Amino acid sequence: MKFKIVYADELDKVIKAKNAMLVDIRTREEYDKSHWKAAVSLPMDITDSYEELLNKTQPVIFYCTHGGSSMKLARYLGNRGFDTATVIGGYNALCGYQKKLQKYG
């Protein structure tokens, strides 16, 4: 297992500390509707192109809706030499964290 796990409440700190790229692997329609700030859209349907599109020297954090698909992708690319991580709980966890921040500050 060559990938890391990132929790929603630590995502922004990890991105900043590692100068990581945040990748939303949901459909383009889902991304256009709503996405986490600073995320780029690379939908799962281009999986074969990830190795060509990503830089092995820059850490990459993936997220999907619930976290399962991004975990599989992070594991796959991690085993191929990329520095990868996945957001546990995916976009749903990020939205939950954001609501908690809005409610409690």
N, C-alpha and C. Protein backbone atom coordinates (compact mmCIF):
# COMPACT_ATOMS: atom_id res chain seq x y z
N MET A 1 0.85 -1.18 0.00
CA MET A 1 0.00 0.00 0.00
C MET A 1 0.89 1.23 0.00
N LYS A 2 1.05 1.85 -1.15
CA LYS A 2 1.94 3.00 -1.26
C LYS A 2 1.15 4.28 -1.51
N PHE A 3 0.34 4.66 -0.56
CA PHE A 3 -0.36 5.93 -0.62
C PHE A 3 -0.68 6.36 0.80
N LYS A 4 -1.00 7.61 0.95
CA LYS A 4 -1.31 8.15 2.27
C LYS A 4 -2.79 8.45 2.37
N ILE A 5 -3.25 8.60 3.58
CA ILE A 5 -4.64 8.95 3.86
C ILE A 5 -4.66 10.37 4.41
N VAL A 6 -5.58 11.17 3.90
CA VAL A 6 -5.75 12.54 4.37
C VAL A 6 -7.20 12.69 4.83
N TYR A 7 -7.38 13.27 6.00
CA TYR A 7 -8.72 13.53 6.51
C TYR A 7 -9.16 14.93 6.08
N ALA A 8 -10.46 15.12 5.94
CA ALA A 8 -11.01 16.38 5.45
C ALA A 8 -10.50 17.58 6.22
N ASP A 9 -10.39 17.44 7.55
CA ASP A 9 -9.99 18.59 8.37
C ASP A 9 -8.50 18.93 8.26
N GLU A 10 -7.73 18.09 7.61
CA GLU A 10 -6.30 18.38 7.46
C GLU A 10 -5.90 18.62 6.00
N LEU A 11 -6.85 18.53 5.08
CA LEU A 11 -6.53 18.61 3.65
C LEU A 11 -5.79 19.89 3.29
N ASP A 12 -6.33 21.04 3.65
CA ASP A 12 -5.70 22.30 3.25
C ASP A 12 -4.27 22.43 3.79
N LYS A 13 -4.04 21.97 5.01
CA LYS A 13 -2.70 22.02 5.60
C LYS A 13 -1.74 21.11 4.84
N VAL A 14 -2.20 19.91 4.48
CA VAL A 14 -1.35 18.96 3.75
C VAL A 14 -1.02 19.49 2.37
N ILE A 15 -2.00 20.06 1.69
CA ILE A 15 -1.75 20.64 0.36
C ILE A 15 -0.66 21.70 0.45
N LYS A 16 -0.80 22.58 1.42
CA LYS A 16 0.17 23.68 1.57
C LYS A 16 1.55 23.16 1.96
N ALA A 17 1.59 22.26 2.93
CA ALA A 17 2.88 21.75 3.42
C ALA A 17 3.65 20.97 2.36
N LYS A 18 2.94 20.23 1.53
CA LYS A 18 3.60 19.38 0.54
C LYS A 18 3.58 19.96 -0.88
N ASN A 19 2.96 21.14 -1.04
CA ASN A 19 2.75 21.71 -2.37
C ASN A 19 2.10 20.66 -3.27
N ALA A 20 1.07 20.03 -2.74
CA ALA A 20 0.40 18.94 -3.44
C ALA A 20 -0.66 19.45 -4.41
N MET A 21 -0.89 18.65 -5.42
CA MET A 21 -1.95 18.91 -6.39
C MET A 21 -3.19 18.16 -5.92
N LEU A 22 -4.34 18.83 -5.91
CA LEU A 22 -5.60 18.21 -5.51
C LEU A 22 -6.39 17.87 -6.76
N VAL A 23 -6.77 16.59 -6.90
CA VAL A 23 -7.44 16.13 -8.11
C VAL A 23 -8.81 15.54 -7.77
N ASP A 24 -9.83 16.10 -8.39
CA ASP A 24 -11.21 15.63 -8.28
C ASP A 24 -11.42 14.63 -9.42
N ILE A 25 -11.71 13.37 -9.08
CA ILE A 25 -11.84 12.34 -10.12
C ILE A 25 -13.31 12.03 -10.44
N ARG A 26 -14.23 12.82 -9.88
CA ARG A 26 -15.65 12.64 -10.22
C ARG A 26 -15.88 13.09 -11.66
N THR A 27 -17.10 12.93 -12.15
CA THR A 27 -17.40 13.35 -13.52
C THR A 27 -17.23 14.86 -13.66
N ARG A 28 -17.04 15.29 -14.88
CA ARG A 28 -16.89 16.73 -15.14
C ARG A 28 -18.15 17.49 -14.70
N GLU A 29 -19.31 16.88 -14.88
CA GLU A 29 -20.56 17.51 -14.48
C GLU A 29 -20.61 17.73 -12.97
N GLU A 30 -20.18 16.72 -12.21
CA GLU A 30 -20.15 16.85 -10.75
C GLU A 30 -19.17 17.94 -10.33
N TYR A 31 -18.01 17.97 -10.98
CA TYR A 31 -17.00 18.98 -10.70
C TYR A 31 -17.55 20.38 -10.99
N ASP A 32 -18.18 20.54 -12.15
CA ASP A 32 -18.71 21.85 -12.54
C ASP A 32 -19.80 22.32 -11.59
N LYS A 33 -20.55 21.38 -11.04
CA LYS A 33 -21.62 21.71 -10.10
C LYS A 33 -21.05 22.23 -8.77
N SER A 34 -19.99 21.57 -8.30
CA SER A 34 -19.36 21.95 -7.04
C SER A 34 -18.08 21.15 -6.85
N HIS A 35 -17.05 21.80 -6.37
CA HIS A 35 -15.78 21.12 -6.10
C HIS A 35 -15.02 21.85 -5.01
N TRP A 36 -14.02 21.18 -4.45
CA TRP A 36 -13.20 21.78 -3.40
C TRP A 36 -12.28 22.81 -4.03
N LYS A 37 -12.06 23.89 -3.33
CA LYS A 37 -11.21 24.96 -3.87
C LYS A 37 -9.83 24.41 -4.25
N ALA A 38 -9.29 24.90 -5.31
CA ALA A 38 -7.97 24.54 -5.83
C ALA A 38 -7.91 23.16 -6.49
N ALA A 39 -9.02 22.45 -6.53
CA ALA A 39 -9.01 21.12 -7.17
C ALA A 39 -9.06 21.25 -8.69
N VAL A 40 -8.36 20.35 -9.35
CA VAL A 40 -8.46 20.25 -10.81
C VAL A 40 -9.30 19.02 -11.14
N SER A 41 -9.95 19.07 -12.28
CA SER A 41 -10.81 17.97 -12.69
C SER A 41 -10.07 17.02 -13.63
N LEU A 42 -9.91 15.78 -13.19
CA LEU A 42 -9.38 14.70 -14.02
C LEU A 42 -10.27 13.49 -13.78
N PRO A 43 -11.40 13.43 -14.48
CA PRO A 43 -12.39 12.37 -14.23
C PRO A 43 -11.82 10.96 -14.39
N MET A 44 -12.42 10.03 -13.66
CA MET A 44 -11.98 8.62 -13.70
C MET A 44 -11.97 8.03 -15.10
N ASP A 45 -12.78 8.55 -16.01
CA ASP A 45 -12.82 7.96 -17.35
C ASP A 45 -11.55 8.20 -18.16
N ILE A 46 -10.60 8.96 -17.60
CA ILE A 46 -9.31 9.14 -18.28
C ILE A 46 -8.19 8.43 -17.54
N THR A 47 -8.54 7.41 -16.77
CA THR A 47 -7.57 6.70 -15.94
C THR A 47 -6.31 6.32 -16.70
N ASP A 48 -6.43 5.90 -17.93
CA ASP A 48 -5.26 5.49 -18.70
C ASP A 48 -4.29 6.64 -18.94
N SER A 49 -4.74 7.86 -18.81
CA SER A 49 -3.90 9.02 -19.08
C SER A 49 -3.24 9.61 -17.84
N TYR A 50 -3.61 9.16 -16.65
CA TYR A 50 -3.08 9.76 -15.43
C TYR A 50 -1.55 9.76 -15.39
N GLU A 51 -0.93 8.68 -15.77
CA GLU A 51 0.53 8.62 -15.69
C GLU A 51 1.19 9.62 -16.61
N GLU A 52 0.54 9.97 -17.71
CA GLU A 52 1.08 10.95 -18.65
C GLU A 52 0.80 12.38 -18.16
N LEU A 53 -0.32 12.58 -17.48
CA LEU A 53 -0.74 13.92 -17.08
C LEU A 53 -0.13 14.40 -15.77
N LEU A 54 0.25 13.47 -14.91
CA LEU A 54 0.76 13.85 -13.58
C LEU A 54 2.28 13.79 -13.53
N ASN A 55 2.83 14.60 -12.65
CA ASN A 55 4.27 14.69 -12.46
C ASN A 55 4.66 13.86 -11.24
N LYS A 56 5.56 12.91 -11.41
CA LYS A 56 5.96 12.05 -10.29
C LYS A 56 6.65 12.80 -9.17
N THR A 57 7.13 14.01 -9.45
CA THR A 57 7.84 14.75 -8.41
C THR A 57 6.90 15.60 -7.54
N GLN A 58 5.64 15.74 -7.94
CA GLN A 58 4.69 16.52 -7.15
C GLN A 58 3.68 15.59 -6.49
N PRO A 59 3.51 15.70 -5.19
CA PRO A 59 2.50 14.88 -4.51
C PRO A 59 1.10 15.20 -5.06
N VAL A 60 0.27 14.16 -5.14
CA VAL A 60 -1.09 14.30 -5.65
C VAL A 60 -2.07 13.72 -4.64
N ILE A 61 -3.12 14.48 -4.36
CA ILE A 61 -4.18 14.02 -3.47
C ILE A 61 -5.45 13.89 -4.30
N PHE A 62 -6.05 12.71 -4.29
CA PHE A 62 -7.26 12.45 -5.05
C PHE A 62 -8.48 12.44 -4.15
N TYR A 63 -9.62 12.84 -4.70
CA TYR A 63 -10.89 12.61 -4.02
C TYR A 63 -11.97 12.29 -5.05
N CYS A 64 -12.94 11.50 -4.61
CA CYS A 64 -14.12 11.17 -5.39
C CYS A 64 -15.32 11.50 -4.51
N THR A 65 -16.45 10.90 -4.75
CA THR A 65 -17.64 11.22 -3.96
C THR A 65 -17.54 10.68 -2.54
N HIS A 66 -17.24 9.39 -2.40
CA HIS A 66 -17.23 8.74 -1.09
C HIS A 66 -15.83 8.32 -0.62
N GLY A 67 -14.87 8.25 -1.50
CA GLY A 67 -13.50 7.90 -1.13
C GLY A 67 -12.99 6.57 -1.65
N GLY A 68 -13.88 5.69 -2.09
CA GLY A 68 -13.46 4.37 -2.54
C GLY A 68 -12.66 4.37 -3.84
N SER A 69 -13.17 5.06 -4.84
CA SER A 69 -12.49 5.10 -6.14
C SER A 69 -11.16 5.85 -6.05
N SER A 70 -11.14 6.94 -5.29
CA SER A 70 -9.89 7.69 -5.16
C SER A 70 -8.85 6.88 -4.39
N MET A 71 -9.29 6.04 -3.46
CA MET A 71 -8.35 5.19 -2.73
C MET A 71 -7.72 4.17 -3.68
N LYS A 72 -8.53 3.57 -4.53
CA LYS A 72 -8.02 2.60 -5.50
C LYS A 72 -7.03 3.26 -6.45
N LEU A 73 -7.36 4.45 -6.93
CA LEU A 73 -6.47 5.16 -7.85
C LEU A 73 -5.17 5.56 -7.16
N ALA A 74 -5.28 6.06 -5.94
CA ALA A 74 -4.07 6.45 -5.19
C ALA A 74 -3.17 5.25 -4.95
N ARG A 75 -3.76 4.12 -4.62
CA ARG A 75 -2.99 2.89 -4.40
C ARG A 75 -2.30 2.47 -5.71
N TYR A 76 -3.05 2.45 -6.79
CA TYR A 76 -2.50 2.04 -8.10
C TYR A 76 -1.32 2.93 -8.50
N LEU A 77 -1.51 4.24 -8.47
CA LEU A 77 -0.43 5.14 -8.88
C LEU A 77 0.71 5.17 -7.86
N GLY A 78 0.37 4.99 -6.60
CA GLY A 78 1.41 4.90 -5.57
C GLY A 78 2.34 3.73 -5.82
N ASN A 79 1.76 2.62 -6.25
CA ASN A 79 2.57 1.44 -6.58
C ASN A 79 3.37 1.62 -7.86
N ARG A 80 3.07 2.67 -8.61
CA ARG A 80 3.79 2.94 -9.86
C ARG A 80 4.76 4.11 -9.71
N GLY A 81 5.05 4.48 -8.45
CA GLY A 81 6.08 5.47 -8.20
C GLY A 81 5.61 6.89 -7.93
N PHE A 82 4.30 7.12 -7.92
CA PHE A 82 3.79 8.46 -7.63
C PHE A 82 3.62 8.64 -6.13
N ASP A 83 3.74 9.88 -5.66
CA ASP A 83 3.51 10.23 -4.26
C ASP A 83 2.03 10.61 -4.16
N THR A 84 1.20 9.68 -3.72
CA THR A 84 -0.24 9.87 -3.75
C THR A 84 -0.89 9.79 -2.37
N ALA A 85 -2.07 10.38 -2.31
CA ALA A 85 -2.90 10.31 -1.11
C ALA A 85 -4.35 10.34 -1.55
N THR A 86 -5.23 9.97 -0.63
CA THR A 86 -6.66 10.02 -0.88
C THR A 86 -7.36 10.68 0.30
N VAL A 87 -8.43 11.38 0.01
CA VAL A 87 -9.23 11.99 1.06
C VAL A 87 -10.24 10.96 1.54
N ILE A 88 -10.12 10.58 2.80
CA ILE A 88 -11.04 9.60 3.38
C ILE A 88 -12.44 10.20 3.43
N GLY A 89 -13.40 9.49 2.88
CA GLY A 89 -14.78 9.97 2.86
C GLY A 89 -15.09 10.84 1.65
N GLY A 90 -14.07 11.16 0.87
CA GLY A 90 -14.25 11.90 -0.37
C GLY A 90 -14.87 13.27 -0.22
N TYR A 91 -15.54 13.68 -1.28
CA TYR A 91 -16.15 15.00 -1.33
C TYR A 91 -17.23 15.15 -0.26
N ASN A 92 -17.92 14.07 0.03
CA ASN A 92 -18.93 14.12 1.09
C ASN A 92 -18.32 14.51 2.43
N ALA A 93 -17.15 13.97 2.75
CA ALA A 93 -16.47 14.32 3.99
C ALA A 93 -16.01 15.77 3.97
N LEU A 94 -15.54 16.24 2.82
CA LEU A 94 -15.11 17.63 2.71
C LEU A 94 -16.28 18.59 2.92
N CYS A 95 -17.43 18.25 2.35
CA CYS A 95 -18.62 19.08 2.52
C CYS A 95 -19.08 19.07 3.98
N GLY A 96 -19.02 17.90 4.61
CA GLY A 96 -19.38 17.81 6.02
C GLY A 96 -18.46 18.65 6.88
N TYR A 97 -17.19 18.63 6.59
CA TYR A 97 -16.21 19.44 7.32
C TYR A 97 -16.49 20.93 7.13
N GLN A 98 -16.80 21.31 5.89
CA GLN A 98 -17.10 22.71 5.62
C GLN A 98 -18.35 23.18 6.37
N LYS A 99 -19.38 22.35 6.42
CA LYS A 99 -20.59 22.69 7.18
C LYS A 99 -20.27 22.84 8.66
N LYS A 100 -19.43 21.97 9.18
CA LYS A 100 -19.04 22.04 10.60
C LYS A 100 -18.31 23.36 10.88
N LEU A 101 -17.43 23.76 9.96
CA LEU A 101 -16.72 25.03 10.12
C LEU A 101 -17.67 26.22 10.12
N GLN A 102 -18.65 26.16 9.22
CA GLN A 102 -19.62 27.25 9.14
C GLN A 102 -20.47 27.34 10.39
N LYS A 103 -20.79 26.17 10.95
CA LYS A 103 -21.65 26.14 12.13
C LYS A 103 -20.91 26.53 13.41
N TYR A 104 -19.69 26.01 13.56
CA TYR A 104 -18.95 26.19 14.82
C TYR A 104 -17.76 27.13 14.72
N GLY A 105 -17.40 27.49 13.49
CA GLY A 105 -16.27 28.39 13.30
C GLY A 105 -15.03 27.70 13.44
